Amino acid sequence: MKIVRADEVADLAGKVPEGEAALEVHWLEGPVNADRLDVGVVTVVPGGATPPHVHLGGQVIVVISGEGFVANGAERLAVHAGDVVITPPGELHTHGAAAGSHLAHLTVTTAGYELPGSEGAPGPGLP
C-alpha cells in the first residue's frame, strides 16, 4: 500500500513545465505499461496538449486544478477541477489545457498506450 498525501499532490500539481515541454508527468507509480497501475500527476502548460493516443487498458483522469479539455473523434469537452474523465480501452483521444490556463490532473492507466502509426509498440508512459 502507498499513500500520497494531499500536500504532495498539490505540490506536484503546481509544477507547470518550463521551456519547450507542453506537459510533464510526475509518476507516483510506474510507468510499467503492464497489468499494474500507472499513476501520475500530469501538469500541462496553457494551451498544451498530448498527441492523439490510445490507452490499451483505458484511462481515468481526475482534474486537480485549472481548465482544459478532452477530445475524441466525435467531441471535445471542457474539463475543470473535480471532473473525472473515463476513457475506454482503445479510444483514440487527446487532452490538454485551455489557452488561458494551466491544467493538472491525476492519470491512472494500465497496459501502456499507442500513438497512431507506432505499429503496436507501447510507449514509455504517456499521460
Protein backbone atom coordinates (compact mmCIF):
# COMPACT_ATOMS: atom_id res chain seq x y z
CA MET A 1 0.00 0.00 0.00
CA LYS A 2 1.14 3.50 -0.76
CA ILE A 3 -0.35 6.81 0.36
CA VAL A 4 0.38 10.05 -1.45
CA ARG A 5 -0.69 12.87 0.84
CA ALA A 6 -2.79 15.81 -0.37
CA ASP A 7 0.04 18.31 0.19
CA GLU A 8 2.37 16.29 -2.05
CA VAL A 9 -0.28 16.09 -4.80
CA ALA A 10 -0.85 19.86 -4.54
CA ASP A 11 2.90 20.47 -4.78
CA LEU A 12 3.20 18.29 -7.89
CA ALA A 13 0.12 19.92 -9.46
CA GLY A 14 1.83 23.30 -9.15
CA LYS A 15 4.92 22.22 -11.09
CA VAL A 16 3.92 23.55 -14.50
CA PRO A 17 6.56 22.69 -17.13
CA GLU A 18 9.04 25.35 -18.19
CA GLY A 19 10.79 25.69 -21.52
CA GLU A 20 9.54 23.88 -24.60
CA ALA A 21 7.79 20.98 -22.86
CA ALA A 22 4.00 21.18 -23.18
CA LEU A 23 3.45 18.74 -20.35
CA GLU A 24 5.23 16.79 -17.65
CA VAL A 25 4.32 13.60 -15.80
CA HIS A 26 5.25 13.20 -12.15
CA TRP A 27 4.96 9.43 -11.70
CA LEU A 28 3.60 8.19 -8.38
CA GLU A 29 3.62 4.58 -9.57
CA GLY A 30 5.18 3.31 -12.80
CA PRO A 31 5.16 3.67 -15.67
CA VAL A 32 5.33 -0.08 -16.13
CA ASN A 33 2.94 -0.37 -19.09
CA ALA A 34 1.63 -3.73 -17.89
CA ASP A 35 -1.26 -5.09 -15.82
CA ARG A 36 -0.12 -2.97 -12.87
CA LEU A 37 -1.43 0.57 -12.42
CA ASP A 38 0.50 3.51 -13.81
CA VAL A 39 -0.42 6.58 -11.74
CA GLY A 40 0.89 10.10 -12.18
CA VAL A 41 0.19 13.78 -11.71
CA VAL A 42 0.29 15.45 -15.13
CA THR A 43 0.89 19.17 -15.47
CA VAL A 44 0.22 20.97 -18.76
CA VAL A 45 1.17 24.49 -19.84
CA PRO A 46 -1.59 26.84 -21.03
CA GLY A 47 -2.62 25.68 -24.50
CA GLY A 48 -0.54 22.49 -24.26
CA ALA A 49 -1.88 19.04 -25.11
CA THR A 50 -0.98 15.40 -25.56
CA PRO A 51 -0.67 13.99 -29.06
CA PRO A 52 -3.60 11.77 -30.09
CA HIS A 53 -3.12 8.38 -28.41
CA VAL A 54 -4.83 5.19 -27.23
CA HIS A 55 -4.55 3.61 -23.76
CA LEU A 56 -4.72 -0.15 -24.16
CA GLY A 57 -6.33 -0.65 -20.74
CA GLY A 58 -8.29 2.61 -20.69
CA GLN A 59 -7.64 5.73 -18.62
CA VAL A 60 -9.13 7.61 -15.70
CA ILE A 61 -8.32 11.31 -15.33
CA VAL A 62 -9.20 13.33 -12.23
CA VAL A 63 -8.74 17.05 -12.86
CA ILE A 64 -6.89 18.58 -9.90
CA SER A 65 -6.60 22.21 -10.98
CA GLY A 66 -7.01 24.53 -13.94
CA GLU A 67 -9.17 24.29 -17.01
CA GLY A 68 -8.74 22.12 -20.06
CA PHE A 69 -10.35 19.74 -22.49
CA VAL A 70 -10.66 16.12 -23.51
CA ALA A 71 -11.41 15.15 -27.08
CA ASN A 72 -12.01 12.11 -29.22
CA GLY A 73 -13.06 11.86 -32.85
CA ALA A 74 -16.66 12.75 -32.02
CA GLU A 75 -16.47 15.51 -29.42
CA ARG A 76 -14.35 17.98 -27.47
CA LEU A 77 -15.46 18.71 -23.92
CA ALA A 78 -14.27 21.28 -21.37
CA VAL A 79 -12.98 19.98 -18.02
CA HIS A 80 -12.42 21.75 -14.69
CA ALA A 81 -11.08 20.89 -11.23
CA GLY A 82 -13.02 18.00 -9.74
CA ASP A 83 -14.12 16.49 -13.06
CA VAL A 84 -13.48 12.78 -13.66
CA VAL A 85 -12.92 11.52 -17.21
CA ILE A 86 -13.17 7.82 -18.06
CA THR A 87 -11.72 6.82 -21.42
CA PRO A 88 -12.45 3.24 -22.52
CA PRO A 89 -9.67 0.95 -23.74
CA GLY A 90 -8.70 1.60 -27.34
CA GLU A 91 -10.37 5.01 -27.76
CA LEU A 92 -8.22 7.49 -29.69
CA HIS A 93 -8.19 10.72 -27.71
CA THR A 94 -6.23 13.77 -26.59
CA HIS A 95 -6.38 16.05 -23.57
CA GLY A 96 -4.80 19.34 -22.60
CA ALA A 97 -5.05 22.77 -21.03
CA ALA A 98 -7.23 25.66 -22.14
CA ALA A 99 -5.38 28.53 -23.83
CA GLY A 100 -5.53 30.76 -20.75
CA SER A 101 -4.99 28.17 -18.00
CA HIS A 102 -2.58 25.52 -16.87
CA LEU A 103 -4.05 22.08 -16.17
CA ALA A 104 -3.10 19.46 -13.60
CA HIS A 105 -4.70 16.03 -13.48
CA LEU A 106 -4.20 12.63 -11.94
CA THR A 107 -3.91 9.87 -14.54
CA VAL A 108 -4.49 6.17 -13.91
CA THR A 109 -3.88 3.65 -16.70
CA THR A 110 -2.85 0.04 -17.33
CA ALA A 111 -1.33 -1.85 -20.25
CA GLY A 112 0.50 1.07 -21.87
CA TYR A 113 -0.52 3.14 -24.84
CA GLU A 114 -0.08 3.51 -28.58
CA LEU A 115 0.39 6.52 -30.80
CA PRO A 116 -1.14 6.33 -34.28
CA GLY A 117 1.48 4.81 -36.58
CA SER A 118 3.56 3.33 -33.74
CA GLU A 119 2.97 -0.21 -35.08
CA GLY A 120 1.54 -1.52 -31.80
CA ALA A 121 4.55 -0.76 -29.61
CA PRO A 122 3.51 0.52 -26.18
CA GLY A 123 5.09 3.79 -25.24
CA PRO A 124 7.07 4.65 -22.12
CA GLY A 125 4.22 6.21 -20.20
CA LEU A 126 2.11 8.82 -21.92
CA PRO A 127 -0.31 10.50 -19.54
